[in-house]
């Protein structure tokens, strides 16, 4: 390597404070924080919308249980097991959505 390249590499640390303290970076920092917090709230709200889908899914599962039991009462035990499985899966998806909303708000 030539001596000229070494002199350029030694000059970089002296230029670093000039590049990081630009007035443009200072004027946009407050705006950037506001945009980041707004995006955080919008993302958490969008993630929490899935809880409503979970509620609709649970209503659908138990509505189907009532209809199935009315059509064939002898399958009561098997239909109830399927309904509990559907309830658990639907509720798990809602809890995952709620957990993601809390993670977006408080962890990031």
PDB file of N, CA and C in Angstrom:
ATOM      1  N   UNK A   1       0.843  -1.177   0.000  1.00  0.00           N
ATOM      2  CA  UNK A   1       0.000   0.000   0.000  1.00  0.00           C
ATOM      3  C   UNK A   1       0.886   1.237   0.000  1.00  0.00           C
ATOM      4  N   UNK A   2       0.372   2.218  -0.597  1.00  0.00           N
ATOM      5  CA  UNK A   2       1.168   3.433  -0.701  1.00  0.00           C
ATOM      6  C   UNK A   2       1.010   4.299   0.538  1.00  0.00           C
ATOM      7  N   UNK A   3       1.907   5.226   0.678  1.00  0.00           N
ATOM      8  CA  UNK A   3       1.886   6.149   1.806  1.00  0.00           C
ATOM      9  C   UNK A   3       0.674   7.070   1.745  1.00  0.00           C
ATOM     10  N   UNK A   4       0.207   7.354   0.531  1.00  0.00           N
ATOM     11  CA  UNK A   4      -0.953   8.219   0.362  1.00  0.00           C
ATOM     12  C   UNK A   4      -2.212   7.579   0.957  1.00  0.00           C
ATOM     13  N   UNK A   5      -2.380   6.267   0.797  1.00  0.00           N
ATOM     14  CA  UNK A   5      -3.559   5.595   1.366  1.00  0.00           C
ATOM     15  C   UNK A   5      -3.533   5.609   2.884  1.00  0.00           C
ATOM     16  N   UNK A   6      -2.352   5.421   3.474  1.00  0.00           N
ATOM     17  CA  UNK A   6      -2.254   5.468   4.933  1.00  0.00           C
ATOM     18  C   UNK A   6      -2.575   6.859   5.469  1.00  0.00           C
ATOM     19  N   UNK A   7      -2.182   7.877   4.754  1.00  0.00           N
ATOM     20  CA  UNK A   7      -2.483   9.238   5.216  1.00  0.00           C
ATOM     21  C   UNK A   7      -3.983   9.516   5.117  1.00  0.00           C
ATOM     22  N   UNK A   8      -4.646   8.948   4.114  1.00  0.00           N
ATOM     23  CA  UNK A   8      -6.099   9.126   4.003  1.00  0.00           C
ATOM     24  C   UNK A   8      -6.830   8.382   5.119  1.00  0.00           C
ATOM     25  N   UNK A   9      -6.359   7.192   5.462  1.00  0.00           N
ATOM     26  CA  UNK A   9      -6.994   6.430   6.536  1.00  0.00           C
ATOM     27  C   UNK A   9      -6.819   7.118   7.885  1.00  0.00           C
ATOM     28  N   UNK A  10      -5.679   7.782   8.095  1.00  0.00           N
ATOM     29  CA  UNK A  10      -5.473   8.504   9.350  1.00  0.00           C
ATOM     30  C   UNK A  10      -6.329   9.764   9.420  1.00  0.00           C
ATOM     31  N   UNK A  11      -6.733  10.292   8.283  1.00  0.00           N
ATOM     32  CA  UNK A  11      -7.532  11.512   8.269  1.00  0.00           C
ATOM     33  C   UNK A  11      -9.001  11.234   8.566  1.00  0.00           C
ATOM     34  N   UNK A  12      -9.473  10.012   8.414  1.00  0.00           N
ATOM     35  CA  UNK A  12     -10.888   9.701   8.629  1.00  0.00           C
ATOM     36  C   UNK A  12     -11.365   9.956  10.056  1.00  0.00           C
ATOM     37  N   UNK A  13     -10.640   9.562  11.114  1.00  0.00           N
ATOM     38  CA  UNK A  13     -11.138   9.856  12.460  1.00  0.00           C
ATOM     39  C   UNK A  13     -11.261  11.345  12.755  1.00  0.00           C
ATOM     40  N   UNK A  14     -10.459  12.171  12.101  1.00  0.00           N
ATOM     41  CA  UNK A  14     -10.577  13.614  12.313  1.00  0.00           C
ATOM     42  C   UNK A  14     -11.821  14.176  11.638  1.00  0.00           C
ATOM     43  N   UNK A  15     -12.307  13.509  10.587  1.00  0.00           N
ATOM     44  CA  UNK A  15     -13.495  13.986   9.881  1.00  0.00           C
ATOM     45  C   UNK A  15     -14.789  13.476  10.502  1.00  0.00           C
ATOM     46  N   UNK A  16     -14.731  12.453  11.317  1.00  0.00           N
ATOM     47  CA  UNK A  16     -15.942  11.850  11.881  1.00  0.00           C
ATOM     48  C   UNK A  16     -16.779  12.825  12.699  1.00  0.00           C
ATOM     49  N   UNK A  17     -16.217  13.665  13.594  1.00  0.00           N
ATOM     50  CA  UNK A  17     -17.072  14.611  14.325  1.00  0.00           C
ATOM     51  C   UNK A  17     -17.755  15.617  13.419  1.00  0.00           C
ATOM     52  N   UNK A  18     -17.119  15.960  12.312  1.00  0.00           N
ATOM     53  CA  UNK A  18     -17.741  16.908  11.394  1.00  0.00           C
ATOM     54  C   UNK A  18     -18.947  16.297  10.698  1.00  0.00           C
ATOM     55  N   UNK A  19     -18.886  15.005  10.430  1.00  0.00           N
ATOM     56  CA  UNK A  19     -19.981  14.345   9.726  1.00  0.00           C
ATOM     57  C   UNK A  19     -21.162  14.032  10.641  1.00  0.00           C
ATOM     58  N   UNK A  20     -20.924  13.735  11.905  1.00  0.00           N
ATOM     59  CA  UNK A  20     -22.010  13.337  12.803  1.00  0.00           C
ATOM     60  C   UNK A  20     -22.738  14.522  13.423  1.00  0.00           C
ATOM     61  N   UNK A  21     -22.129  15.672  13.512  1.00  0.00           N
ATOM     62  CA  UNK A  21     -22.764  16.833  14.138  1.00  0.00           C
ATOM     63  C   UNK A  21     -23.349  17.779  13.109  1.00  0.00           C
ATOM     64  N   UNK A  22     -23.947  17.253  12.079  1.00  0.00           N
ATOM     65  CA  UNK A  22     -24.526  18.119  11.066  1.00  0.00           C
ATOM     66  C   UNK A  22     -25.814  18.737  11.593  1.00  0.00           C
ATOM     67  N   UNK A  23     -26.119  19.982  11.230  1.00  0.00           N
ATOM     68  CA  UNK A  23     -27.338  20.630  11.730  1.00  0.00           C
ATOM     69  C   UNK A  23     -28.611  19.957  11.238  1.00  0.00           C
ATOM     70  N   UNK A  24     -28.551  19.291  10.103  1.00  0.00           N
ATOM     71  CA  UNK A  24     -29.728  18.596   9.577  1.00  0.00           C
ATOM     72  C   UNK A  24     -30.134  17.440  10.489  1.00  0.00           C
ATOM     73  N   UNK A  25     -29.163  16.715  11.030  1.00  0.00           N
ATOM     74  CA  UNK A  25     -29.465  15.594  11.917  1.00  0.00           C
ATOM     75  C   UNK A  25     -30.072  16.071  13.230  1.00  0.00           C
ATOM     76  N   UNK A  26     -29.658  17.233  13.713  1.00  0.00           N
ATOM     77  CA  UNK A  26     -30.205  17.749  14.963  1.00  0.00           C
ATOM     78  C   UNK A  26     -31.632  18.252  14.793  1.00  0.00           C
ATOM     79  N   UNK A  27     -31.948  18.829  13.644  1.00  0.00           N
ATOM     80  CA  UNK A  27     -33.284  19.391  13.466  1.00  0.00           C
ATOM     81  C   UNK A  27     -34.341  18.313  13.220  1.00  0.00           C
ATOM     82  N   UNK A  28     -33.961  17.161  12.716  1.00  0.00           N
ATOM     83  CA  UNK A  28     -34.954  16.126  12.424  1.00  0.00           C
ATOM     84  C   UNK A  28     -35.066  15.083  13.525  1.00  0.00           C
ATOM     85  N   UNK A  29     -34.281  15.161  14.573  1.00  0.00           N
ATOM     86  CA  UNK A  29     -34.328  14.109  15.584  1.00  0.00           C
ATOM     87  C   UNK A  29     -35.661  14.098  16.326  1.00  0.00           C
ATOM     88  N   UNK A  30     -36.217  15.266  16.651  1.00  0.00           N
ATOM     89  CA  UNK A  30     -37.509  15.305  17.344  1.00  0.00           C
ATOM     90  C   UNK A  30     -38.628  14.809  16.435  1.00  0.00           C
ATOM     91  N   UNK A  31     -38.564  15.185  15.176  1.00  0.00           N
ATOM     92  CA  UNK A  31     -39.577  14.735  14.221  1.00  0.00           C
ATOM     93  C   UNK A  31     -39.468  13.228  14.020  1.00  0.00           C
ATOM     94  N   UNK A  32     -38.253  12.730  13.950  1.00  0.00           N
ATOM     95  CA  UNK A  32     -38.053  11.290  13.764  1.00  0.00           C
ATOM     96  C   UNK A  32     -38.598  10.504  14.948  1.00  0.00           C
ATOM     97  N   UNK A  33     -38.418  11.013  16.165  1.00  0.00           N
ATOM     98  CA  UNK A  33     -38.956  10.333  17.347  1.00  0.00           C
ATOM     99  C   UNK A  33     -40.477  10.326  17.323  1.00  0.00           C
ATOM    100  N   UNK A  34     -41.078  11.439  16.889  1.00  0.00           N
ATOM    101  CA  UNK A  34     -42.537  11.491  16.802  1.00  0.00           C
ATOM    102  C   UNK A  34     -43.067  10.508  15.761  1.00  0.00           C
ATOM    103  N   UNK A  35     -42.392  10.429  14.632  1.00  0.00           N
ATOM    104  CA  UNK A  35     -42.818   9.498  13.590  1.00  0.00           C
ATOM    105  C   UNK A  35     -42.650   8.059  14.062  1.00  0.00           C
ATOM    106  N   UNK A  36     -41.553   7.779  14.751  1.00  0.00           N
ATOM    107  CA  UNK A  36     -41.337   6.424  15.268  1.00  0.00           C
ATOM    108  C   UNK A  36     -42.396   6.037  16.293  1.00  0.00           C
ATOM    109  N   UNK A  37     -42.748   6.963  17.188  1.00  0.00           N
ATOM    110  CA  UNK A  37     -43.773   6.629  18.187  1.00  0.00           C
ATOM    111  C   UNK A  37     -45.143   6.487  17.532  1.00  0.00           C
ATOM    112  N   UNK A  38     -45.440   7.312  16.526  1.00  0.00           N
ATOM    113  CA  UNK A  38     -46.718   7.171  15.821  1.00  0.00           C
ATOM    114  C   UNK A  38     -46.786   5.834  15.088  1.00  0.00           C
ATOM    115  N   UNK A  39     -45.686   5.441  14.459  1.00  0.00           N
ATOM    116  CA  UNK A  39     -45.657   4.153  13.764  1.00  0.00           C
ATOM    117  C   UNK A  39     -45.789   3.004  14.749  1.00  0.00           C
ATOM    118  N   UNK A  40     -45.233   3.183  15.933  1.00  0.00           N
ATOM    119  CA  UNK A  40     -45.339   2.142  16.958  1.00  0.00           C
ATOM    120  C   UNK A  40     -46.796   1.966  17.386  1.00  0.00           C
ATOM    121  N   UNK A  41     -47.516   3.068  17.595  1.00  0.00           N
ATOM    122  CA  UNK A  41     -48.919   2.973  18.007  1.00  0.00           C
ATOM    123  C   UNK A  41     -49.798   2.418  16.891  1.00  0.00           C
ATOM    124  N   UNK A  42     -49.524   2.809  15.663  1.00  0.00           N
ATOM    125  CA  UNK A  42     -50.302   2.282  14.538  1.00  0.00           C
ATOM    126  C   UNK A  42     -50.059   0.780  14.380  1.00  0.00           C
ATOM    127  N   UNK A  43     -48.808   0.355  14.510  1.00  0.00           N
ATOM    128  CA  UNK A  43     -48.491  -1.070  14.402  1.00  0.00           C
ATOM    129  C   UNK A  43     -49.112  -1.890  15.516  1.00  0.00           C
ATOM    130  N   UNK A  44     -49.087  -1.348  16.738  1.00  0.00           N
ATOM    131  CA  UNK A  44     -49.696  -2.069  17.861  1.00  0.00           C
ATOM    132  C   UNK A  44     -51.209  -2.161  17.686  1.00  0.00           C
ATOM    133  N   UNK A  45     -51.821  -1.106  17.192  1.00  0.00           N
ATOM    134  CA  UNK A  45     -53.262  -1.147  16.945  1.00  0.00           C
ATOM    135  C   UNK A  45     -53.626  -2.125  15.846  1.00  0.00           C
ATOM    136  N   UNK A  46     -52.822  -2.158  14.794  1.00  0.00           N
ATOM    137  CA  UNK A  46     -53.082  -3.102  13.705  1.00  0.00           C
ATOM    138  C   UNK A  46     -52.888  -4.542  14.159  1.00  0.00           C
ATOM    139  N   UNK A  47     -51.933  -4.769  15.045  1.00  0.00           N
ATOM    140  CA  UNK A  47     -51.721  -6.128  15.554  1.00  0.00           C
ATOM    141  C   UNK A  47     -52.847  -6.557  16.480  1.00  0.00           C
ATOM    142  N   UNK A  48     -53.469  -5.614  17.163  1.00  0.00           N
ATOM    143  CA  UNK A  48     -54.522  -5.940  18.117  1.00  0.00           C
ATOM    144  C   UNK A  48     -55.865  -6.184  17.426  1.00  0.00           C
ATOM    145  N   UNK A  49     -55.992  -5.789  16.171  1.00  0.00           N
ATOM    146  CA  UNK A  49     -57.244  -6.019  15.444  1.00  0.00           C
ATOM    147  C   UNK A  49     -57.533  -7.514  15.328  1.00  0.00           C
ATOM    148  N   UNK A  50     -56.499  -8.346  15.345  1.00  0.00           N
ATOM    149  CA  UNK A  50     -56.688  -9.793  15.259  1.00  0.00           C
ATOM    150  C   UNK A  50     -57.468 -10.380  16.411  1.00  0.00           C
ATOM    151  N   UNK A  51     -57.542  -9.667  17.534  1.00  0.00           N
ATOM    152  CA  UNK A  51     -58.323 -10.153  18.677  1.00  0.00           C
ATOM    153  C   UNK A  51     -59.808 -10.189  18.319  1.00  0.00           C
ATOM    154  N   UNK A  52     -60.257  -9.249  17.513  1.00  0.00           N
ATOM    155  CA  UNK A  52     -61.660  -9.256  17.081  1.00  0.00           C
ATOM    156  C   UNK A  52     -61.944 -10.476  16.206  1.00  0.00           C
ATOM    157  N   UNK A  53     -60.983 -10.845  15.367  1.00  0.00           N
ATOM    158  CA  UNK A  53     -61.140 -12.053  14.562  1.00  0.00           C
ATOM    159  C   UNK A  53     -61.208 -13.301  15.412  1.00  0.00           C
ATOM    160  N   UNK A  54     -60.475 -13.288  16.509  1.00  0.00           N
ATOM    161  CA  UNK A  54     -60.530 -14.419  17.434  1.00  0.00           C
ATOM    162  C   UNK A  54     -61.916 -14.540  18.057  1.00  0.00           C
ATOM    163  N   UNK A  55     -62.483 -13.427  18.441  1.00  0.00           N
ATOM    164  CA  UNK A  55     -63.838 -13.448  19.006  1.00  0.00           C
ATOM    165  C   UNK A  55     -64.867 -13.945  18.006  1.00  0.00           C
ATOM    166  N   UNK A  56     -64.731 -13.522  16.766  1.00  0.00           N
ATOM    167  CA  UNK A  56     -65.652 -13.997  15.729  1.00  0.00           C
ATOM    168  C   UNK A  56     -65.468 -15.490  15.483  1.00  0.00           C
ATOM    169  N   UNK A  57     -64.234 -15.955  15.531  1.00  0.00           N
ATOM    170  CA  UNK A  57     -63.970 -17.384  15.340  1.00  0.00           C
ATOM    171  C   UNK A  57     -64.551 -18.231  16.450  1.00  0.00           C
ATOM    172  N   UNK A  58     -64.451 -17.749  17.684  1.00  0.00           N
ATOM    173  CA  UNK A  58     -65.016 -18.492  18.825  1.00  0.00           C
ATOM    174  C   UNK A  58     -66.533 -18.555  18.713  1.00  0.00           C
ATOM    175  N   UNK A  59     -67.148 -17.452  18.319  1.00  0.00           N
ATOM    176  CA  UNK A  59     -68.598 -17.457  18.117  1.00  0.00           C
ATOM    177  C   UNK A  59     -69.015 -18.415  17.017  1.00  0.00           C
ATOM    178  N   UNK A  60     -68.231 -18.474  15.970  1.00  0.00           N
ATOM    179  CA  UNK A  60     -68.523 -19.389  14.872  1.00  0.00           C
ATOM    180  C   UNK A  60     -68.399 -20.845  15.316  1.00  0.00           C
ATOM    181  N   UNK A  61     -67.379 -21.147  16.112  1.00  0.00           N
ATOM    182  CA  UNK A  61     -67.166 -22.523  16.586  1.00  0.00           C
ATOM    183  C   UNK A  61     -68.338 -22.983  17.440  1.00  0.00           C
ATOM    184  N   UNK A  62     -68.736 -22.171  18.406  1.00  0.00           N
ATOM    185  CA  UNK A  62     -69.814 -22.604  19.297  1.00  0.00           C
ATOM    186  C   UNK A  62     -71.184 -22.531  18.630  1.00  0.00           C
ATOM    187  N   UNK A  63     -71.345 -21.644  17.655  1.00  0.00           N
ATOM    188  CA  UNK A  63     -72.573 -21.654  16.865  1.00  0.00           C
ATOM    189  C   UNK A  63     -72.705 -22.937  16.064  1.00  0.00           C
ATOM    190  N   UNK A  64     -71.599 -23.378  15.498  1.00  0.00           N
ATOM    191  CA  UNK A  64     -71.605 -24.648  14.765  1.00  0.00           C
ATOM    192  C   UNK A  64     -71.835 -25.828  15.699  1.00  0.00           C
ATOM    193  N   UNK A  65     -71.336 -25.724  16.938  1.00  0.00           N
ATOM    194  CA  UNK A  65     -71.588 -26.784  17.925  1.00  0.00           C
ATOM    195  C   UNK A  65     -73.084 -26.907  18.208  1.00  0.00           C
ATOM    196  N   UNK A  66     -73.756 -25.802  18.384  1.00  0.00           N
ATOM    197  CA  UNK A  66     -75.197 -25.829  18.671  1.00  0.00           C
ATOM    198  C   UNK A  66     -75.964 -26.406  17.481  1.00  0.00           C
ATOM    199  N   UNK A  67     -75.601 -25.996  16.284  1.00  0.00           N
ATOM    200  CA  UNK A  67     -76.287 -26.509  15.093  1.00  0.00           C
ATOM    201  C   UNK A  67     -76.037 -28.008  14.922  1.00  0.00           C
ATOM    202  N   UNK A  68     -74.785 -28.427  15.123  1.00  0.00           N
ATOM    203  CA  UNK A  68     -74.463 -29.850  14.998  1.00  0.00           C
ATOM    204  C   UNK A  68     -75.151 -30.692  16.052  1.00  0.00           C
ATOM    205  N   UNK A  69     -75.249 -30.179  17.271  1.00  0.00           N
ATOM    206  CA  UNK A  69     -75.924 -30.920  18.339  1.00  0.00           C
ATOM    207  C   UNK A  69     -77.427 -31.000  18.074  1.00  0.00           C
ATOM    208  N   UNK A  70     -77.985 -29.941  17.494  1.00  0.00           N
ATOM    209  CA  UNK A  70     -79.415 -29.967  17.179  1.00  0.00           C
ATOM    210  C   UNK A  70     -79.718 -30.978  16.068  1.00  0.00           C
ATOM    211  N   UNK A  71     -78.799 -31.167  15.158  1.00  0.00           N
ATOM    212  CA  UNK A  71     -79.025 -32.114  14.070  1.00  0.00           C
ATOM    213  C   UNK A  71     -78.817 -33.562  14.496  1.00  0.00           C
ATOM    214  N   UNK A  72     -77.821 -33.797  15.365  1.00  0.00           N
ATOM    215  CA  UNK A  72     -77.510 -35.174  15.754  1.00  0.00           C
ATOM    216  C   UNK A  72     -77.061 -35.193  17.217  1.00  0.00           C
ATOM    217  N   UNK A  73     -77.995 -35.330  18.145  1.00  0.00           N
ATOM    218  CA  UNK A  73     -77.639 -35.292  19.569  1.00  0.00           C
ATOM    219  C   UNK A  73     -76.754 -36.448  20.027  1.00  0.00           C
ATOM    220  N   UNK A  74     -76.706 -37.541  19.275  1.00  0.00           N
ATOM    221  CA  UNK A  74     -75.886 -38.678  19.710  1.00  0.00           C
ATOM    222  C   UNK A  74     -74.384 -38.394  19.574  1.00  0.00           C
ATOM    223  N   UNK A  75     -73.996 -37.386  18.819  1.00  0.00           N
ATOM    224  CA  UNK A  75     -72.580 -37.034  18.649  1.00  0.00           C
ATOM    225  C   UNK A  75     -72.144 -35.918  19.598  1.00  0.00           C
ATOM    226  N   UNK A  76     -72.859 -35.781  20.702  1.00  0.00           N
ATOM    227  CA  UNK A  76     -72.607 -34.664  21.609  1.00  0.00           C
ATOM    228  C   UNK A  76     -71.151 -34.620  22.081  1.00  0.00           C
ATOM    229  N   UNK A  77     -70.607 -35.735  22.530  1.00  0.00           N
ATOM    230  CA  UNK A  77     -69.256 -35.750  23.101  1.00  0.00           C
ATOM    231  C   UNK A  77     -68.197 -35.435  22.042  1.00  0.00           C
ATOM    232  N   UNK A  78     -68.321 -36.019  20.865  1.00  0.00           N
ATOM    233  CA  UNK A  78     -67.336 -35.778  19.813  1.00  0.00           C
ATOM    234  C   UNK A  78     -67.410 -34.332  19.316  1.00  0.00           C
ATOM    235  N   UNK A  79     -68.611 -33.808  19.160  1.00  0.00           N
ATOM    236  CA  UNK A  79     -68.756 -32.416  18.725  1.00  0.00           C
ATOM    237  C   UNK A  79     -68.192 -31.449  19.761  1.00  0.00           C
ATOM    238  N   UNK A  80     -68.395 -31.761  21.030  1.00  0.00           N
ATOM    239  CA  UNK A  80     -67.877 -30.888  22.083  1.00  0.00           C
ATOM    240  C   UNK A  80     -66.344 -30.891  22.082  1.00  0.00           C
ATOM    241  N   UNK A  81     -65.739 -32.041  21.848  1.00  0.00           N
ATOM    242  CA  UNK A  81     -64.270 -32.095  21.777  1.00  0.00           C
ATOM    243  C   UNK A  81     -63.746 -31.261  20.611  1.00  0.00           C
ATOM    244  N   UNK A  82     -64.408 -31.347  19.473  1.00  0.00           N
ATOM    245  CA  UNK A  82     -64.004 -30.530  18.329  1.00  0.00           C
ATOM    246  C   UNK A  82     -64.190 -29.040  18.624  1.00  0.00           C
ATOM    247  N   UNK A  83     -65.266 -28.718  19.331  1.00  0.00           N
ATOM    248  CA  UNK A  83     -65.519 -27.315  19.660  1.00  0.00           C
ATOM    249  C   UNK A  83     -64.454 -26.774  20.608  1.00  0.00           C
ATOM    250  N   UNK A  84     -64.041 -27.573  21.581  1.00  0.00           N
ATOM    251  CA  UNK A  84     -62.995 -27.126  22.509  1.00  0.00           C
ATOM    252  C   UNK A  84     -61.675 -26.951  21.768  1.00  0.00           C
ATOM    253  N   UNK A  85     -61.372 -27.837  20.833  1.00  0.00           N
ATOM    254  CA  UNK A  85     -60.156 -27.703  20.031  1.00  0.00           C
ATOM    255  C   UNK A  85     -60.204 -26.432  19.177  1.00  0.00           C
ATOM    256  N   UNK A  86     -61.340 -26.180  18.539  1.00  0.00           N
ATOM    257  CA  UNK A  86     -61.496 -24.957  17.746  1.00  0.00           C
ATOM    258  C   UNK A  86     -61.409 -23.707  18.595  1.00  0.00           C
ATOM    259  N   UNK A  87     -61.994 -23.767  19.802  1.00  0.00           N
ATOM    260  CA  UNK A  87     -61.904 -22.635  20.725  1.00  0.00           C
ATOM    261  C   UNK A  87     -60.457 -22.361  21.104  1.00  0.00           C
ATOM    262  N   UNK A  88     -59.705 -23.412  21.422  1.00  0.00           N
ATOM    263  CA  UNK A  88     -58.311 -23.236  21.850  1.00  0.00           C
ATOM    264  C   UNK A  88     -57.457 -22.656  20.726  1.00  0.00           C
ATOM    265  N   UNK A  89     -57.638 -23.149  19.516  1.00  0.00           N
ATOM    266  CA  UNK A  89     -56.849 -22.632  18.397  1.00  0.00           C
ATOM    267  C   UNK A  89     -57.202 -21.183  18.077  1.00  0.00           C
ATOM    268  N   UNK A  90     -58.482 -20.873  18.103  1.00  0.00           N
ATOM    269  CA  UNK A  90     -58.909 -19.508  17.827  1.00  0.00           C
ATOM    270  C   UNK A  90     -58.442 -18.547  18.916  1.00  0.00           C
ATOM    271  N   UNK A  91     -58.535 -18.962  20.149  1.00  0.00           N
ATOM    272  CA  UNK A  91     -58.094 -18.119  21.266  1.00  0.00           C
ATOM    273  C   UNK A  91     -56.579 -17.933  21.241  1.00  0.00           C
ATOM    274  N   UNK A  92     -55.855 -18.962  20.836  1.00  0.00           N
ATOM    275  CA  UNK A  92     -54.391 -18.842  20.748  1.00  0.00           C
ATOM    276  C   UNK A  92     -53.995 -17.800  19.709  1.00  0.00           C
ATOM    277  N   UNK A  93     -54.691 -17.766  18.585  1.00  0.00           N
ATOM    278  CA  UNK A  93     -54.379 -16.755  17.574  1.00  0.00           C
ATOM    279  C   UNK A  93     -54.655 -15.347  18.103  1.00  0.00           C
ATOM    280  N   UNK A  94     -55.739 -15.188  18.838  1.00  0.00           N
ATOM    281  CA  UNK A  94     -56.023 -13.888  19.438  1.00  0.00           C
ATOM    282  C   UNK A  94     -54.975 -13.477  20.452  1.00  0.00           C
ATOM    283  N   UNK A  95     -54.527 -14.430  21.250  1.00  0.00           N
ATOM    284  CA  UNK A  95     -53.488 -14.117  22.234  1.00  0.00           C
ATOM    285  C   UNK A  95     -52.157 -13.807  21.564  1.00  0.00           C
ATOM    286  N   UNK A  96     -51.861 -14.472  20.448  1.00  0.00           N
ATOM    287  CA  UNK A  96     -50.639 -14.143  19.714  1.00  0.00           C
ATOM    288  C   UNK A  96     -50.699 -12.714  19.176  1.00  0.00           C
ATOM    289  N   UNK A  97     -51.863 -12.317  18.674  1.00  0.00           N
ATOM    290  CA  UNK A  97     -52.018 -10.946  18.175  1.00  0.00           C
ATOM    291  C   UNK A  97     -51.851  -9.938  19.305  1.00  0.00           C
ATOM    292  N   UNK A  98     -52.451 -10.216  20.438  1.00  0.00           N
ATOM    293  CA  UNK A  98     -52.329  -9.313  21.580  1.00  0.00           C
ATOM    294  C   UNK A  98     -50.891  -9.248  22.076  1.00  0.00           C
ATOM    295  N   UNK A  99     -50.215 -10.376  22.091  1.00  0.00           N
ATOM    296  CA  UNK A  99     -48.813 -10.404  22.506  1.00  0.00           C
ATOM    297  C   UNK A  99     -47.942  -9.598  21.552  1.00  0.00           C
ATOM    298  N   UNK A 100     -48.197  -9.700  20.262  1.00  0.00           N
ATOM    299  CA  UNK A 100     -47.419  -8.914  19.305  1.00  0.00           C
ATOM    300  C   UNK A 100     -47.668  -7.425  19.493  1.00  0.00           C
ATOM    301  N   UNK A 101     -48.907  -7.050  19.801  1.00  0.00           N
ATOM    302  CA  UNK A 101     -49.187  -5.645  20.083  1.00  0.00           C
ATOM    303  C   UNK A 101     -48.412  -5.140  21.283  1.00  0.00           C
ATOM    304  N   UNK A 102     -48.368  -5.932  22.350  1.00  0.00           N
ATOM    305  CA  UNK A 102     -47.602  -5.529  23.536  1.00  0.00           C
ATOM    306  C   UNK A 102     -46.102  -5.497  23.248  1.00  0.00           C
ATOM    307  N   UNK A 103     -45.622  -6.443  22.454  1.00  0.00           N
ATOM    308  CA  UNK A 103     -44.200  -6.428  22.102  1.00  0.00           C
ATOM    309  C   UNK A 103     -43.840  -5.190  21.292  1.00  0.00           C
ATOM    310  N   UNK A 104     -44.698  -4.821  20.362  1.00  0.00           N
ATOM    311  CA  UNK A 104     -44.436  -3.623  19.566  1.00  0.00           C
ATOM    312  C   UNK A 104     -44.421  -2.388  20.456  1.00  0.00           C
ATOM    313  N   UNK A 105     -45.347  -2.317  21.402  1.00  0.00           N
ATOM    314  CA  UNK A 105     -45.414  -1.134  22.271  1.00  0.00           C
ATOM    315  C   UNK A 105     -44.258  -1.041  23.250  1.00  0.00           C
ATOM    316  N   UNK A 106     -43.928  -2.134  23.900  1.00  0.00           N
ATOM    317  CA  UNK A 106     -43.024  -2.045  25.040  1.00  0.00           C
ATOM    318  C   UNK A 106     -41.631  -2.619  24.805  1.00  0.00           C
ATOM    319  N   UNK A 107     -41.426  -3.424  23.784  1.00  0.00           N
ATOM    320  CA  UNK A 107     -40.109  -4.035  23.594  1.00  0.00           C
ATOM    321  C   UNK A 107     -39.296  -3.352  22.500  1.00  0.00           C
ATOM    322  N   UNK A 108     -39.959  -2.741  21.525  1.00  0.00           N
ATOM    323  CA  UNK A 108     -39.211  -2.130  20.423  1.00  0.00           C
ATOM    324  C   UNK A 108     -39.230  -0.633  20.520  1.00  0.00           C
TER     325      UNK A 108
END
